Amino acid sequence: DSRGVPIHFFRWLKNDLSMKLTDIFGCAKFGYFALEAKHRHWHYTGTPREKEQDAFIQAVRATGGRGGFVTCAEQALEILK
């Protein structure tokens, strides 16, 4: 802000869960979106990092946004359409 105080844009997701911001986070005409990009052969295994990324994605979805883990551009486009 104008006083030099940092603005943490993701704090609107007030939640007790530990979250990690996804690789891609933005706003489109339909609202917010959050995409976590993974390599093509990746599968969710429930690591602490994946759980924190998923918590952020779920918070975005809970507020009407779209999001998910993606391993290719086609998956990202499917989520965003």
PDB file of N, CA and C in Angstrom:
ATOM      1  N   ASP A   1       0.829  -1.190   0.000  1.00  0.00           N
ATOM      2  CA  ASP A   1       0.000   0.000   0.000  1.00  0.00           C
ATOM      3  C   ASP A   1       0.871   1.251   0.000  1.00  0.00           C
ATOM      4  N   SER A   2       0.243   2.410   0.087  1.00  0.00           N
ATOM      5  CA  SER A   2       0.999   3.663   0.001  1.00  0.00           C
ATOM      6  C   SER A   2       1.875   3.924   1.227  1.00  0.00           C
ATOM      7  N   ARG A   3       1.660   3.174   2.314  1.00  0.00           N
ATOM      8  CA  ARG A   3       2.476   3.338   3.518  1.00  0.00           C
ATOM      9  C   ARG A   3       3.676   2.403   3.518  1.00  0.00           C
ATOM     10  N   GLY A   4       3.843   1.635   2.464  1.00  0.00           N
ATOM     11  CA  GLY A   4       4.954   0.705   2.383  1.00  0.00           C
ATOM     12  C   GLY A   4       4.706  -0.604   3.123  1.00  0.00           C
ATOM     13  N   VAL A   5       3.460  -0.850   3.494  1.00  0.00           N
ATOM     14  CA  VAL A   5       3.105  -2.093   4.178  1.00  0.00           C
ATOM     15  C   VAL A   5       2.791  -3.143   3.112  1.00  0.00           C
ATOM     16  N   PRO A   6       3.421  -4.320   3.189  1.00  0.00           N
ATOM     17  CA  PRO A   6       3.156  -5.338   2.168  1.00  0.00           C
ATOM     18  C   PRO A   6       1.691  -5.772   2.167  1.00  0.00           C
ATOM     19  N   ILE A   7       1.168  -6.016   0.990  1.00  0.00           N
ATOM     20  CA  ILE A   7      -0.182  -6.540   0.840  1.00  0.00           C
ATOM     21  C   ILE A   7      -0.051  -8.003   0.426  1.00  0.00           C
ATOM     22  N   HIS A   8      -0.550  -8.884   1.231  1.00  0.00           N
ATOM     23  CA  HIS A   8      -0.508 -10.317   0.938  1.00  0.00           C
ATOM     24  C   HIS A   8      -1.832 -10.689   0.289  1.00  0.00           C
ATOM     25  N   PHE A   9      -1.866 -10.689  -1.048  1.00  0.00           N
ATOM     26  CA  PHE A   9      -3.113 -10.856  -1.778  1.00  0.00           C
ATOM     27  C   PHE A   9      -3.811 -12.166  -1.482  1.00  0.00           C
ATOM     28  N   PHE A  10      -3.092 -13.180  -1.015  1.00  0.00           N
ATOM     29  CA  PHE A  10      -3.729 -14.468  -0.768  1.00  0.00           C
ATOM     30  C   PHE A  10      -4.342 -14.558   0.629  1.00  0.00           C
ATOM     31  N   ARG A  11      -4.243 -13.520   1.437  1.00  0.00           N
ATOM     32  CA  ARG A  11      -4.827 -13.577   2.788  1.00  0.00           C
ATOM     33  C   ARG A  11      -6.348 -13.538   2.760  1.00  0.00           C
ATOM     34  N   TRP A  12      -6.953 -13.227   1.607  1.00  0.00           N
ATOM     35  CA  TRP A  12      -8.411 -13.283   1.511  1.00  0.00           C
ATOM     36  C   TRP A  12      -8.896 -14.710   1.711  1.00  0.00           C
ATOM     37  N   LEU A  13      -7.999 -15.659   1.677  1.00  0.00           N
ATOM     38  CA  LEU A  13      -8.347 -17.061   1.872  1.00  0.00           C
ATOM     39  C   LEU A  13      -8.220 -17.445   3.346  1.00  0.00           C
ATOM     40  N   LYS A  14      -8.722 -16.627   4.217  1.00  0.00           N
ATOM     41  CA  LYS A  14      -8.579 -16.871   5.653  1.00  0.00           C
ATOM     42  C   LYS A  14      -8.954 -18.316   5.961  1.00  0.00           C
ATOM     43  N   ASN A  15      -8.006 -19.021   6.508  1.00  0.00           N
ATOM     44  CA  ASN A  15      -8.165 -20.445   6.699  1.00  0.00           C
ATOM     45  C   ASN A  15      -7.120 -20.902   7.709  1.00  0.00           C
ATOM     46  N   ASP A  16      -7.424 -21.920   8.490  1.00  0.00           N
ATOM     47  CA  ASP A  16      -6.461 -22.442   9.459  1.00  0.00           C
ATOM     48  C   ASP A  16      -5.484 -23.431   8.831  1.00  0.00           C
ATOM     49  N   LEU A  17      -5.720 -23.806   7.594  1.00  0.00           N
ATOM     50  CA  LEU A  17      -4.844 -24.764   6.932  1.00  0.00           C
ATOM     51  C   LEU A  17      -3.561 -24.094   6.469  1.00  0.00           C
ATOM     52  N   SER A  18      -2.492 -24.865   6.466  1.00  0.00           N
ATOM     53  CA  SER A  18      -1.250 -24.388   5.892  1.00  0.00           C
ATOM     54  C   SER A  18      -1.382 -24.526   4.378  1.00  0.00           C
ATOM     55  N   MET A  19      -1.127 -23.438   3.653  1.00  0.00           N
ATOM     56  CA  MET A  19      -1.296 -23.452   2.200  1.00  0.00           C
ATOM     57  C   MET A  19      -0.043 -22.955   1.509  1.00  0.00           C
ATOM     58  N   LYS A  20       0.132 -23.417   0.286  1.00  0.00           N
ATOM     59  CA  LYS A  20       1.198 -22.916  -0.575  1.00  0.00           C
ATOM     60  C   LYS A  20       0.545 -22.381  -1.841  1.00  0.00           C
ATOM     61  N   LEU A  21       0.976 -21.212  -2.244  1.00  0.00           N
ATOM     62  CA  LEU A  21       0.497 -20.609  -3.476  1.00  0.00           C
ATOM     63  C   LEU A  21       0.878 -21.490  -4.655  1.00  0.00           C
ATOM     64  N   THR A  22      -0.033 -21.653  -5.595  1.00  0.00           N
ATOM     65  CA  THR A  22       0.224 -22.477  -6.772  1.00  0.00           C
ATOM     66  C   THR A  22       1.164 -21.762  -7.743  1.00  0.00           C
ATOM     67  N   ASP A  23       1.668 -22.518  -8.723  1.00  0.00           N
ATOM     68  CA  ASP A  23       2.561 -21.950  -9.729  1.00  0.00           C
ATOM     69  C   ASP A  23       1.891 -20.821 -10.505  1.00  0.00           C
ATOM     70  N   ILE A  24       0.617 -21.004 -10.815  1.00  0.00           N
ATOM     71  CA  ILE A  24      -0.113 -20.020 -11.616  1.00  0.00           C
ATOM     72  C   ILE A  24      -1.372 -19.639 -10.841  1.00  0.00           C
ATOM     73  N   PHE A  25      -1.510 -18.362 -10.553  1.00  0.00           N
ATOM     74  CA  PHE A  25      -2.686 -17.861  -9.849  1.00  0.00           C
ATOM     75  C   PHE A  25      -3.090 -16.569 -10.519  1.00  0.00           C
ATOM     76  N   GLY A  26      -4.370 -16.417 -10.824  1.00  0.00           N
ATOM     77  CA  GLY A  26      -4.788 -15.204 -11.498  1.00  0.00           C
ATOM     78  C   GLY A  26      -6.278 -14.996 -11.438  1.00  0.00           C
ATOM     79  N   CYS A  27      -6.710 -14.044 -12.196  1.00  0.00           N
ATOM     80  CA  CYS A  27      -8.119 -13.677 -12.242  1.00  0.00           C
ATOM     81  C   CYS A  27      -8.520 -13.558 -13.709  1.00  0.00           C
ATOM     82  N   ALA A  28      -9.673 -14.099 -14.029  1.00  0.00           N
ATOM     83  CA  ALA A  28     -10.212 -14.032 -15.382  1.00  0.00           C
ATOM     84  C   ALA A  28     -11.669 -13.559 -15.277  1.00  0.00           C
ATOM     85  N   LYS A  29     -12.368 -13.512 -16.381  1.00  0.00           N
ATOM     86  CA  LYS A  29     -13.762 -13.058 -16.359  1.00  0.00           C
ATOM     87  C   LYS A  29     -14.623 -13.898 -15.426  1.00  0.00           C
ATOM     88  N   PHE A  30     -14.316 -15.181 -15.312  1.00  0.00           N
ATOM     89  CA  PHE A  30     -15.115 -16.055 -14.452  1.00  0.00           C
ATOM     90  C   PHE A  30     -14.714 -15.977 -12.986  1.00  0.00           C
ATOM     91  N   GLY A  31     -13.611 -15.348 -12.667  1.00  0.00           N
ATOM     92  CA  GLY A  31     -13.144 -15.234 -11.287  1.00  0.00           C
ATOM     93  C   GLY A  31     -11.703 -15.688 -11.156  1.00  0.00           C
ATOM     94  N   TYR A  32     -11.339 -16.128  -9.955  1.00  0.00           N
ATOM     95  CA  TYR A  32      -9.970 -16.555  -9.681  1.00  0.00           C
ATOM     96  C   TYR A  32      -9.680 -17.952 -10.209  1.00  0.00           C
ATOM     97  N   PHE A  33      -8.399 -18.203 -10.485  1.00  0.00           N
ATOM     98  CA  PHE A  33      -7.984 -19.555 -10.841  1.00  0.00           C
ATOM     99  C   PHE A  33      -6.615 -19.833 -10.243  1.00  0.00           C
ATOM    100  N   ALA A  34      -6.373 -21.115  -9.992  1.00  0.00           N
ATOM    101  CA  ALA A  34      -5.103 -21.557  -9.409  1.00  0.00           C
ATOM    102  C   ALA A  34      -4.708 -22.872 -10.072  1.00  0.00           C
ATOM    103  N   LEU A  35      -3.555 -22.883 -10.710  1.00  0.00           N
ATOM    104  CA  LEU A  35      -3.056 -24.081 -11.379  1.00  0.00           C
ATOM    105  C   LEU A  35      -1.680 -24.435 -10.824  1.00  0.00           C
ATOM    106  N   GLU A  36      -1.519 -25.679 -10.455  1.00  0.00           N
ATOM    107  CA  GLU A  36      -0.219 -26.168  -9.999  1.00  0.00           C
ATOM    108  C   GLU A  36       0.331 -27.073 -11.093  1.00  0.00           C
ATOM    109  N   ALA A  37       1.402 -26.634 -11.745  1.00  0.00           N
ATOM    110  CA  ALA A  37       1.984 -27.367 -12.870  1.00  0.00           C
ATOM    111  C   ALA A  37       2.930 -28.455 -12.362  1.00  0.00           C
ATOM    112  N   LYS A  38       2.729 -29.654 -12.872  1.00  0.00           N
ATOM    113  CA  LYS A  38       3.569 -30.803 -12.522  1.00  0.00           C
ATOM    114  C   LYS A  38       4.081 -31.452 -13.810  1.00  0.00           C
ATOM    115  N   HIS A  39       5.107 -32.302 -13.681  1.00  0.00           N
ATOM    116  CA  HIS A  39       5.632 -32.958 -14.882  1.00  0.00           C
ATOM    117  C   HIS A  39       4.607 -33.959 -15.435  1.00  0.00           C
ATOM    118  N   ARG A  40       4.755 -34.301 -16.682  1.00  0.00           N
ATOM    119  CA  ARG A  40       3.736 -35.073 -17.406  1.00  0.00           C
ATOM    120  C   ARG A  40       3.340 -36.381 -16.723  1.00  0.00           C
ATOM    121  N   HIS A  41       4.243 -37.074 -16.079  1.00  0.00           N
ATOM    122  CA  HIS A  41       3.924 -38.382 -15.484  1.00  0.00           C
ATOM    123  C   HIS A  41       3.681 -38.310 -13.980  1.00  0.00           C
ATOM    124  N   TRP A  42       3.470 -37.117 -13.455  1.00  0.00           N
ATOM    125  CA  TRP A  42       3.243 -36.918 -12.032  1.00  0.00           C
ATOM    126  C   TRP A  42       1.907 -37.509 -11.595  1.00  0.00           C
ATOM    127  N   HIS A  43       1.865 -38.026 -10.373  1.00  0.00           N
ATOM    128  CA  HIS A  43       0.627 -38.473  -9.736  1.00  0.00           C
ATOM    129  C   HIS A  43       0.628 -37.967  -8.297  1.00  0.00           C
ATOM    130  N   TYR A  44      -0.535 -37.579  -7.813  1.00  0.00           N
ATOM    131  CA  TYR A  44      -0.668 -37.084  -6.439  1.00  0.00           C
ATOM    132  C   TYR A  44      -0.309 -38.193  -5.466  1.00  0.00           C
ATOM    133  N   THR A  45       0.605 -37.889  -4.531  1.00  0.00           N
ATOM    134  CA  THR A  45       1.009 -38.880  -3.537  1.00  0.00           C
ATOM    135  C   THR A  45       0.734 -38.417  -2.114  1.00  0.00           C
ATOM    136  N   GLY A  46       0.281 -37.174  -1.952  1.00  0.00           N
ATOM    137  CA  GLY A  46      -0.057 -36.682  -0.626  1.00  0.00           C
ATOM    138  C   GLY A  46       1.111 -36.190   0.203  1.00  0.00           C
ATOM    139  N   THR A  47       2.182 -35.748  -0.458  1.00  0.00           N
ATOM    140  CA  THR A  47       3.302 -35.180   0.292  1.00  0.00           C
ATOM    141  C   THR A  47       2.811 -33.915   1.006  1.00  0.00           C
ATOM    142  N   PRO A  48       3.504 -33.482   2.046  1.00  0.00           N
ATOM    143  CA  PRO A  48       3.084 -32.241   2.720  1.00  0.00           C
ATOM    144  C   PRO A  48       2.962 -31.058   1.753  1.00  0.00           C
ATOM    145  N   ARG A  49       3.890 -30.934   0.827  1.00  0.00           N
ATOM    146  CA  ARG A  49       3.835 -29.840  -0.153  1.00  0.00           C
ATOM    147  C   ARG A  49       2.594 -29.951  -1.035  1.00  0.00           C
ATOM    148  N   GLU A  50       2.309 -31.153  -1.525  1.00  0.00           N
ATOM    149  CA  GLU A  50       1.122 -31.349  -2.364  1.00  0.00           C
ATOM    150  C   GLU A  50      -0.154 -31.040  -1.581  1.00  0.00           C
ATOM    151  N   LYS A  51      -0.195 -31.427  -0.313  1.00  0.00           N
ATOM    152  CA  LYS A  51      -1.371 -31.146   0.514  1.00  0.00           C
ATOM    153  C   LYS A  51      -1.568 -29.646   0.694  1.00  0.00           C
ATOM    154  N   GLU A  52      -0.478 -28.912   0.877  1.00  0.00           N
ATOM    155  CA  GLU A  52      -0.572 -27.459   1.025  1.00  0.00           C
ATOM    156  C   GLU A  52      -0.993 -26.795  -0.287  1.00  0.00           C
ATOM    157  N   GLN A  53      -0.493 -27.294  -1.406  1.00  0.00           N
ATOM    158  CA  GLN A  53      -0.906 -26.772  -2.709  1.00  0.00           C
ATOM    159  C   GLN A  53      -2.382 -27.084  -2.949  1.00  0.00           C
ATOM    160  N   ASP A  54      -2.798 -28.295  -2.589  1.00  0.00           N
ATOM    161  CA  ASP A  54      -4.195 -28.684  -2.767  1.00  0.00           C
ATOM    162  C   ASP A  54      -5.109 -27.855  -1.862  1.00  0.00           C
ATOM    163  N   ALA A  55      -4.667 -27.522  -0.655  1.00  0.00           N
ATOM    164  CA  ALA A  55      -5.468 -26.687   0.243  1.00  0.00           C
ATOM    165  C   ALA A  55      -5.731 -25.321  -0.393  1.00  0.00           C
ATOM    166  N   PHE A  56      -4.714 -24.761  -1.053  1.00  0.00           N
ATOM    167  CA  PHE A  56      -4.899 -23.477  -1.737  1.00  0.00           C
ATOM    168  C   PHE A  56      -5.897 -23.630  -2.884  1.00  0.00           C
ATOM    169  N   ILE A  57      -5.735 -24.684  -3.674  1.00  0.00           N
ATOM    170  CA  ILE A  57      -6.652 -24.934  -4.795  1.00  0.00           C
ATOM    171  C   ILE A  57      -8.079 -25.087  -4.280  1.00  0.00           C
ATOM    172  N   GLN A  58      -8.265 -25.832  -3.201  1.00  0.00           N
ATOM    173  CA  GLN A  58      -9.604 -26.045  -2.657  1.00  0.00           C
ATOM    174  C   GLN A  58     -10.201 -24.742  -2.115  1.00  0.00           C
ATOM    175  N   ALA A  59      -9.379 -23.887  -1.528  1.00  0.00           N
ATOM    176  CA  ALA A  59      -9.871 -22.598  -1.046  1.00  0.00           C
ATOM    177  C   ALA A  59     -10.318 -21.724  -2.211  1.00  0.00           C
ATOM    178  N   VAL A  60      -9.569 -21.750  -3.308  1.00  0.00           N
ATOM    179  CA  VAL A  60      -9.971 -20.998  -4.505  1.00  0.00           C
ATOM    180  C   VAL A  60     -11.293 -21.543  -5.028  1.00  0.00           C
ATOM    181  N   ARG A  61     -11.423 -22.860  -5.104  1.00  0.00           N
ATOM    182  CA  ARG A  61     -12.679 -23.468  -5.572  1.00  0.00           C
ATOM    183  C   ARG A  61     -13.848 -23.123  -4.648  1.00  0.00           C
ATOM    184  N   ALA A  62     -13.587 -23.102  -3.340  1.00  0.00           N
ATOM    185  CA  ALA A  62     -14.645 -22.821  -2.372  1.00  0.00           C
ATOM    186  C   ALA A  62     -15.191 -21.400  -2.507  1.00  0.00           C
ATOM    187  N   THR A  63     -14.408 -20.511  -3.088  1.00  0.00           N
ATOM    188  CA  THR A  63     -14.857 -19.137  -3.289  1.00  0.00           C
ATOM    189  C   THR A  63     -15.358 -18.903  -4.710  1.00  0.00           C
ATOM    190  N   GLY A  64     -15.614 -19.991  -5.441  1.00  0.00           N
ATOM    191  CA  GLY A  64     -16.175 -19.879  -6.785  1.00  0.00           C
ATOM    192  C   GLY A  64     -15.154 -19.890  -7.902  1.00  0.00           C
ATOM    193  N   GLY A  65     -13.885 -20.046  -7.570  1.00  0.00           N
ATOM    194  CA  GLY A  65     -12.851 -20.076  -8.597  1.00  0.00           C
ATOM    195  C   GLY A  65     -12.650 -21.462  -9.176  1.00  0.00           C
ATOM    196  N   ARG A  66     -11.684 -21.576 -10.017  1.00  0.00           N
ATOM    197  CA  ARG A  66     -11.350 -22.844 -10.667  1.00  0.00           C
ATOM    198  C   ARG A  66      -9.899 -23.164 -10.388  1.00  0.00           C
ATOM    199  N   GLY A  67      -9.585 -24.436 -10.321  1.00  0.00           N
ATOM    200  CA  GLY A  67      -8.200 -24.781 -10.077  1.00  0.00           C
ATOM    201  C   GLY A  67      -7.955 -26.266 -10.074  1.00  0.00           C
ATOM    202  N   GLY A  68      -6.681 -26.614 -10.122  1.00  0.00           N
ATOM    203  CA  GLY A  68      -6.292 -28.010 -10.072  1.00  0.00           C
ATOM    204  C   GLY A  68      -4.823 -28.193 -10.376  1.00  0.00           C
ATOM    205  N   PHE A  69      -4.406 -29.431 -10.219  1.00  0.00           N
ATOM    206  CA  PHE A  69      -3.063 -29.840 -10.617  1.00  0.00           C
ATOM    207  C   PHE A  69      -3.126 -30.149 -12.108  1.00  0.00           C
ATOM    208  N   VAL A  70      -2.121 -29.722 -12.845  1.00  0.00           N
ATOM    209  CA  VAL A  70      -2.107 -29.975 -14.292  1.00  0.00           C
ATOM    210  C   VAL A  70      -0.750 -30.505 -14.716  1.00  0.00           C
ATOM    211  N   THR A  71      -0.771 -31.425 -15.675  1.00  0.00           N
ATOM    212  CA  THR A  71       0.468 -31.987 -16.205  1.00  0.00           C
ATOM    213  C   THR A  71       0.656 -31.669 -17.685  1.00  0.00           C
ATOM    214  N   CYS A  72      -0.283 -30.904 -18.260  1.00  0.00           N
ATOM    215  CA  CYS A  72      -0.157 -30.506 -19.661  1.00  0.00           C
ATOM    216  C   CYS A  72      -1.081 -29.304 -19.926  1.00  0.00           C
ATOM    217  N   ALA A  73      -0.852 -28.651 -21.031  1.00  0.00           N
ATOM    218  CA  ALA A  73      -1.642 -27.472 -21.381  1.00  0.00           C
ATOM    219  C   ALA A  73      -3.113 -27.828 -21.574  1.00  0.00           C
ATOM    220  N   GLU A  74      -3.371 -29.015 -22.091  1.00  0.00           N
ATOM    221  CA  GLU A  74      -4.762 -29.420 -22.327  1.00  0.00           C
ATOM    222  C   GLU A  74      -5.552 -29.494 -21.012  1.00  0.00           C
ATOM    223  N   GLN A  75      -4.908 -30.001 -19.956  1.00  0.00           N
ATOM    224  CA  GLN A  75      -5.578 -30.042 -18.653  1.00  0.00           C
ATOM    225  C   GLN A  75      -5.856 -28.632 -18.134  1.00  0.00           C
ATOM    226  N   ALA A  76      -4.904 -27.745 -18.310  1.00  0.00           N
ATOM    227  CA  ALA A  76      -5.093 -26.368 -17.873  1.00  0.00           C
ATOM    228  C   ALA A  76      -6.261 -25.719 -18.619  1.00  0.00           C
ATOM    229  N   LEU A  77      -6.311 -25.905 -19.922  1.00  0.00           N
ATOM    230  CA  LEU A  77      -7.400 -25.341 -20.718  1.00  0.00           C
ATOM    231  C   LEU A  77      -8.745 -25.913 -20.312  1.00  0.00           C
ATOM    232  N   GLU A  78      -8.802 -27.185 -19.984  1.00  0.00           N
ATOM    233  CA  GLU A  78     -10.045 -27.831 -19.551  1.00  0.00           C
ATOM    234  C   GLU A  78     -10.547 -27.188 -18.247  1.00  0.00           C
ATOM    235  N   ILE A  79      -9.654 -26.925 -17.321  1.00  0.00           N
ATOM    236  CA  ILE A  79     -10.032 -26.303 -16.058  1.00  0.00           C
ATOM    237  C   ILE A  79     -10.507 -24.873 -16.285  1.00  0.00           C
ATOM    238  N   LEU A  80      -9.867 -24.157 -17.188  1.00  0.00           N
ATOM    239  CA  LEU A  80     -10.150 -22.740 -17.400  1.00  0.00           C
ATOM    240  C   LEU A  80     -11.352 -22.469 -18.297  1.00  0.00           C
ATOM    241  N   LYS A  81     -11.819 -23.468 -19.040  1.00  0.00           N
ATOM    242  CA  LYS A  81     -12.956 -23.177 -19.947  1.00  0.00           C
ATOM    243  C   LYS A  81     -14.291 -23.234 -19.265  1.00  0.00           C
TER     244      LYS A  81
END
